[in-house]
């Protein structure tokens, strides 16, 4: 019983804490303007130019923290607050996304692995949600056994994907922190706000991995129990 509680409660609490922390860090540091007053768009462009990247389009997108880098179309998308903003949070997030563009250019191995897993992830995610939402009620039946196996396979894909995502995100943040100071976009004493924002964002990826791993272990325990009963 204790292990079940841990597998359910710990990921939930960690996920809640991660979301609270990233919201708090971002909302705090988006209120702190950088001294240079450079925008997030300009910061991302400067970081990519330094790396010799001149063929990536930087676009503004709607939403809150919808920032991402699309390696297929070579497009760096920044939410309005970060695209136009001059805050420590805006510059940190924008430089982080530029870090992904650098990873793409240099052929960062873990990013390539992550991209290769995306099609499998897109198929696995809905399967896992269906199994975790409804499949456990069918345990003991022939259909339940099949759904359990499908759920385990889907969650294994999701867990591997989340695990591979961790070094990709950590490395992009590391590149961003180095370049922001190196290029003079921010002074060294402005970096704590950037680090706080990016480190909080990184925790959300850790929480996602823990959640996937926890759900996978739950299904493995169910499958193990079923085999013992047989």
Protein backbone atom coordinates (compact mmCIF):
# COMPACT_ATOMS: atom_id res chain seq x y z
CA UNK A 1 0.00 0.00 0.00
CA UNK A 2 2.82 2.41 0.85
CA UNK A 3 4.45 2.02 -2.54
CA UNK A 4 1.14 2.80 -4.25
CA UNK A 5 0.77 5.96 -2.19
CA UNK A 6 4.30 7.01 -3.09
CA UNK A 7 3.78 6.34 -6.80
CA UNK A 8 0.63 8.45 -6.85
CA UNK A 9 1.21 11.19 -4.29
CA UNK A 10 4.89 12.01 -4.91
CA UNK A 11 4.49 12.77 -8.65
CA UNK A 12 1.37 14.83 -7.93
CA UNK A 13 3.08 16.87 -5.24
CA UNK A 14 6.23 17.33 -7.30
CA UNK A 15 4.21 18.41 -10.33
CA UNK A 16 2.23 20.91 -8.24
CA UNK A 17 5.41 22.27 -6.66
CA UNK A 18 7.13 22.59 -10.05
CA UNK A 19 4.22 24.53 -11.54
CA UNK A 20 4.02 26.82 -8.52
CA UNK A 21 7.75 27.44 -8.60
CA UNK A 22 7.97 28.22 -12.32
CA UNK A 23 4.95 30.52 -12.08
CA UNK A 24 6.43 32.32 -9.08
CA UNK A 25 9.90 32.66 -10.60
CA UNK A 26 8.62 33.83 -13.99
CA UNK A 27 6.09 36.28 -12.58
CA UNK A 28 8.76 37.72 -10.29
CA UNK A 29 11.50 38.11 -12.88
CA UNK A 30 9.28 39.35 -15.68
CA UNK A 31 8.83 42.45 -13.51
CA UNK A 32 12.59 43.10 -13.39
CA UNK A 33 13.81 44.97 -16.50
CA UNK A 34 17.29 44.34 -17.82
CA UNK A 35 19.69 47.27 -17.80
CA UNK A 36 20.37 47.03 -21.51
CA UNK A 37 16.65 47.05 -22.38
CA UNK A 38 17.24 44.55 -25.16
CA UNK A 39 14.13 42.57 -26.13
CA UNK A 40 13.79 38.82 -25.99
CA UNK A 41 13.70 38.70 -29.77
CA UNK A 42 16.95 40.64 -30.00
CA UNK A 43 18.56 38.45 -27.36
CA UNK A 44 17.62 35.24 -29.19
CA UNK A 45 18.89 36.69 -32.46
CA UNK A 46 22.19 37.72 -30.86
CA UNK A 47 22.74 34.27 -29.36
CA UNK A 48 22.05 32.57 -32.69
CA UNK A 49 24.20 35.03 -34.66
CA UNK A 50 27.10 34.32 -32.32
CA UNK A 51 26.69 30.63 -33.17
CA UNK A 52 26.60 31.35 -36.90
CA UNK A 53 22.87 30.68 -37.22
CA UNK A 54 21.22 33.02 -39.71
CA UNK A 55 18.47 30.87 -41.22
CA UNK A 56 16.11 30.53 -38.24
CA UNK A 57 12.96 32.63 -38.28
CA UNK A 58 11.96 34.26 -34.99
CA UNK A 59 8.20 34.66 -34.67
CA UNK A 60 5.79 35.96 -32.06
CA UNK A 61 3.07 33.58 -30.88
CA UNK A 62 0.06 33.91 -28.63
CA UNK A 63 -0.25 32.36 -25.20
CA UNK A 64 1.62 32.26 -21.91
CA UNK A 65 5.02 30.52 -21.97
CA UNK A 66 4.26 28.97 -25.35
CA UNK A 67 7.89 29.49 -26.39
CA UNK A 68 9.52 26.71 -28.38
CA UNK A 69 11.99 25.92 -31.13
CA UNK A 70 10.82 24.01 -34.21
CA UNK A 71 13.84 22.27 -35.77
CA UNK A 72 11.85 20.97 -38.74
CA UNK A 73 10.82 24.42 -39.97
CA UNK A 74 13.75 26.23 -38.34
CA UNK A 75 11.42 28.54 -36.46
CA UNK A 76 11.93 29.98 -32.99
CA UNK A 77 8.59 30.95 -31.48
CA UNK A 78 8.39 33.36 -28.55
CA UNK A 79 5.28 34.32 -26.61
CA UNK A 80 4.48 38.03 -26.71
CA UNK A 81 5.75 38.73 -23.18
CA UNK A 82 9.13 37.29 -24.09
CA UNK A 83 9.31 38.40 -27.74
CA UNK A 84 8.76 42.05 -26.87
CA UNK A 85 9.78 42.04 -23.22
CA UNK A 86 13.07 43.32 -21.82
CA UNK A 87 12.82 41.57 -18.45
CA UNK A 88 15.26 39.07 -16.98
CA UNK A 89 12.68 36.33 -17.44
CA UNK A 90 12.04 37.27 -21.08
CA UNK A 91 15.74 37.28 -21.94
CA UNK A 92 16.35 34.00 -20.11
CA UNK A 93 13.53 32.15 -21.85
CA UNK A 94 14.39 33.61 -25.26
CA UNK A 95 18.07 32.70 -24.95
CA UNK A 96 17.06 29.21 -23.78
CA UNK A 97 15.08 28.66 -26.98
CA UNK A 98 18.04 29.96 -28.97
CA UNK A 99 20.06 27.33 -27.14
CA UNK A 100 17.89 24.69 -28.78
CA UNK A 101 18.68 26.20 -32.18
CA UNK A 102 22.37 25.87 -31.37
CA UNK A 103 21.84 22.24 -30.36
CA UNK A 104 20.21 21.64 -33.73
CA UNK A 105 23.06 23.28 -35.62
CA UNK A 106 25.83 21.38 -33.84
CA UNK A 107 23.95 18.07 -33.98
CA UNK A 108 23.52 17.65 -30.24
CA UNK A 109 22.90 13.90 -29.92
CA UNK A 110 20.19 13.93 -27.26
CA UNK A 111 18.16 16.46 -29.24
CA UNK A 112 18.34 14.17 -32.27
CA UNK A 113 17.15 11.24 -30.16
CA UNK A 114 14.31 13.34 -28.76
CA UNK A 115 13.19 14.38 -32.24
CA UNK A 116 13.26 10.77 -33.40
CA UNK A 117 10.98 9.80 -30.50
CA UNK A 118 8.32 12.45 -31.19
CA UNK A 119 6.20 10.34 -33.61
CA UNK A 120 6.16 7.46 -31.13
CA UNK A 121 5.35 9.89 -28.32
CA UNK A 122 2.42 11.35 -30.24
CA UNK A 123 0.96 7.86 -30.58
CA UNK A 124 1.83 6.72 -27.06
CA UNK A 125 0.40 9.67 -25.12
CA UNK A 126 -3.31 9.17 -25.96
CA UNK A 127 -2.96 5.40 -25.51
CA UNK A 128 -1.47 5.89 -22.06
CA UNK A 129 -4.19 8.34 -21.03
CA UNK A 130 -6.96 5.95 -22.11
CA UNK A 131 -5.39 2.99 -20.33
CA UNK A 132 -4.67 4.89 -17.13
CA UNK A 133 -8.13 6.45 -17.20
CA UNK A 134 -10.26 3.44 -18.04
CA UNK A 135 -8.15 0.35 -18.65
CA UNK A 136 -7.53 -0.49 -14.99
CA UNK A 137 -11.28 -1.14 -14.56
CA UNK A 138 -10.97 -4.00 -17.02
CA UNK A 139 -8.10 -5.74 -15.23
CA UNK A 140 -8.82 -9.45 -15.07
CA UNK A 141 -10.54 -9.62 -18.44
CA UNK A 142 -8.92 -10.50 -21.75
CA UNK A 143 -9.41 -6.93 -22.98
CA UNK A 144 -7.98 -5.60 -19.73
CA UNK A 145 -4.84 -7.67 -20.19
CA UNK A 146 -4.34 -6.33 -23.68
CA UNK A 147 -4.90 -2.74 -22.56
CA UNK A 148 -2.44 -3.24 -19.71
CA UNK A 149 0.25 -4.35 -22.14
CA UNK A 150 -0.50 -1.44 -24.45
CA UNK A 151 -0.39 0.94 -21.50
CA UNK A 152 2.98 -0.36 -20.34
CA UNK A 153 4.44 0.01 -23.85
CA UNK A 154 3.00 3.53 -24.21
CA UNK A 155 4.24 4.68 -20.81
CA UNK A 156 7.65 3.20 -21.49
CA UNK A 157 7.89 5.37 -24.62
CA UNK A 158 6.70 8.42 -22.66
CA UNK A 159 9.15 7.79 -19.83
CA UNK A 160 12.10 7.40 -22.20
CA UNK A 161 11.02 10.57 -24.02
CA UNK A 162 10.83 12.54 -20.77
CA UNK A 163 14.21 11.15 -19.67
CA UNK A 164 15.85 12.21 -22.94
CA UNK A 165 14.22 15.63 -22.64
CA UNK A 166 16.06 16.37 -19.39
CA UNK A 167 19.60 16.75 -20.80
CA UNK A 168 18.20 18.61 -23.82
CA UNK A 169 16.56 21.23 -21.61
CA UNK A 170 19.43 21.46 -19.12
CA UNK A 171 21.95 21.92 -21.92
CA UNK A 172 19.87 24.64 -23.62
CA UNK A 173 19.69 26.56 -20.34
CA UNK A 174 23.44 26.17 -19.81
CA UNK A 175 24.14 27.60 -23.26
CA UNK A 176 21.72 30.48 -22.63
CA UNK A 177 23.33 31.47 -19.34
CA UNK A 178 26.82 31.48 -20.85
CA UNK A 179 25.90 33.46 -23.95
CA UNK A 180 23.85 36.14 -22.20
CA UNK A 181 26.90 37.23 -20.21
CA UNK A 182 29.46 36.55 -22.93
CA UNK A 183 27.59 38.76 -25.42
CA UNK A 184 27.02 41.51 -22.87
CA UNK A 185 23.26 41.17 -23.08
CA UNK A 186 23.17 40.97 -19.28
CA UNK A 187 25.64 41.83 -16.56
CA UNK A 188 26.81 39.05 -14.26
CA UNK A 189 24.88 40.48 -11.33
CA UNK A 190 21.63 40.23 -13.34
CA UNK A 191 22.02 36.49 -13.87
CA UNK A 192 20.42 35.27 -10.61
CA UNK A 193 17.00 36.23 -12.01
CA UNK A 194 17.70 34.31 -15.21
CA UNK A 195 18.97 31.28 -13.32
CA UNK A 196 15.95 31.30 -11.02
CA UNK A 197 13.59 31.36 -14.01
CA UNK A 198 15.34 28.68 -16.04
CA UNK A 199 16.01 26.39 -13.09
CA UNK A 200 12.33 26.55 -12.13
CA UNK A 201 11.35 25.71 -15.70
CA UNK A 202 13.75 22.76 -15.68
CA UNK A 203 11.99 21.36 -12.61
CA UNK A 204 8.78 20.98 -14.64
CA UNK A 205 10.60 18.55 -16.94
CA UNK A 206 11.86 16.60 -13.94
CA UNK A 207 8.29 16.44 -12.63
CA UNK A 208 7.03 15.20 -16.01
CA UNK A 209 9.61 12.42 -15.99
CA UNK A 210 8.73 11.40 -12.43
CA UNK A 211 5.02 11.35 -13.32
CA UNK A 212 5.58 9.12 -16.36
CA UNK A 213 7.90 6.81 -14.46
CA UNK A 214 5.42 6.59 -11.58
CA UNK A 215 2.54 5.63 -13.87
CA UNK A 216 4.74 3.07 -15.62
CA UNK A 217 5.65 1.46 -12.29
CA UNK A 218 1.98 1.36 -11.30
CA UNK A 219 1.09 -0.61 -14.45
CA UNK A 220 4.09 -2.90 -14.01
CA UNK A 221 2.94 -3.66 -10.48
CA UNK A 222 -0.56 -4.41 -11.74
CA UNK A 223 0.84 -6.70 -14.42
CA UNK A 224 3.05 -8.45 -11.86
CA UNK A 225 0.07 -8.96 -9.55
CA UNK A 226 -1.96 -10.38 -12.39
CA UNK A 227 0.73 -12.90 -13.27
CA UNK A 228 1.00 -14.04 -9.65
CA UNK A 229 -2.75 -14.52 -9.52
CA UNK A 230 -2.57 -16.66 -12.62
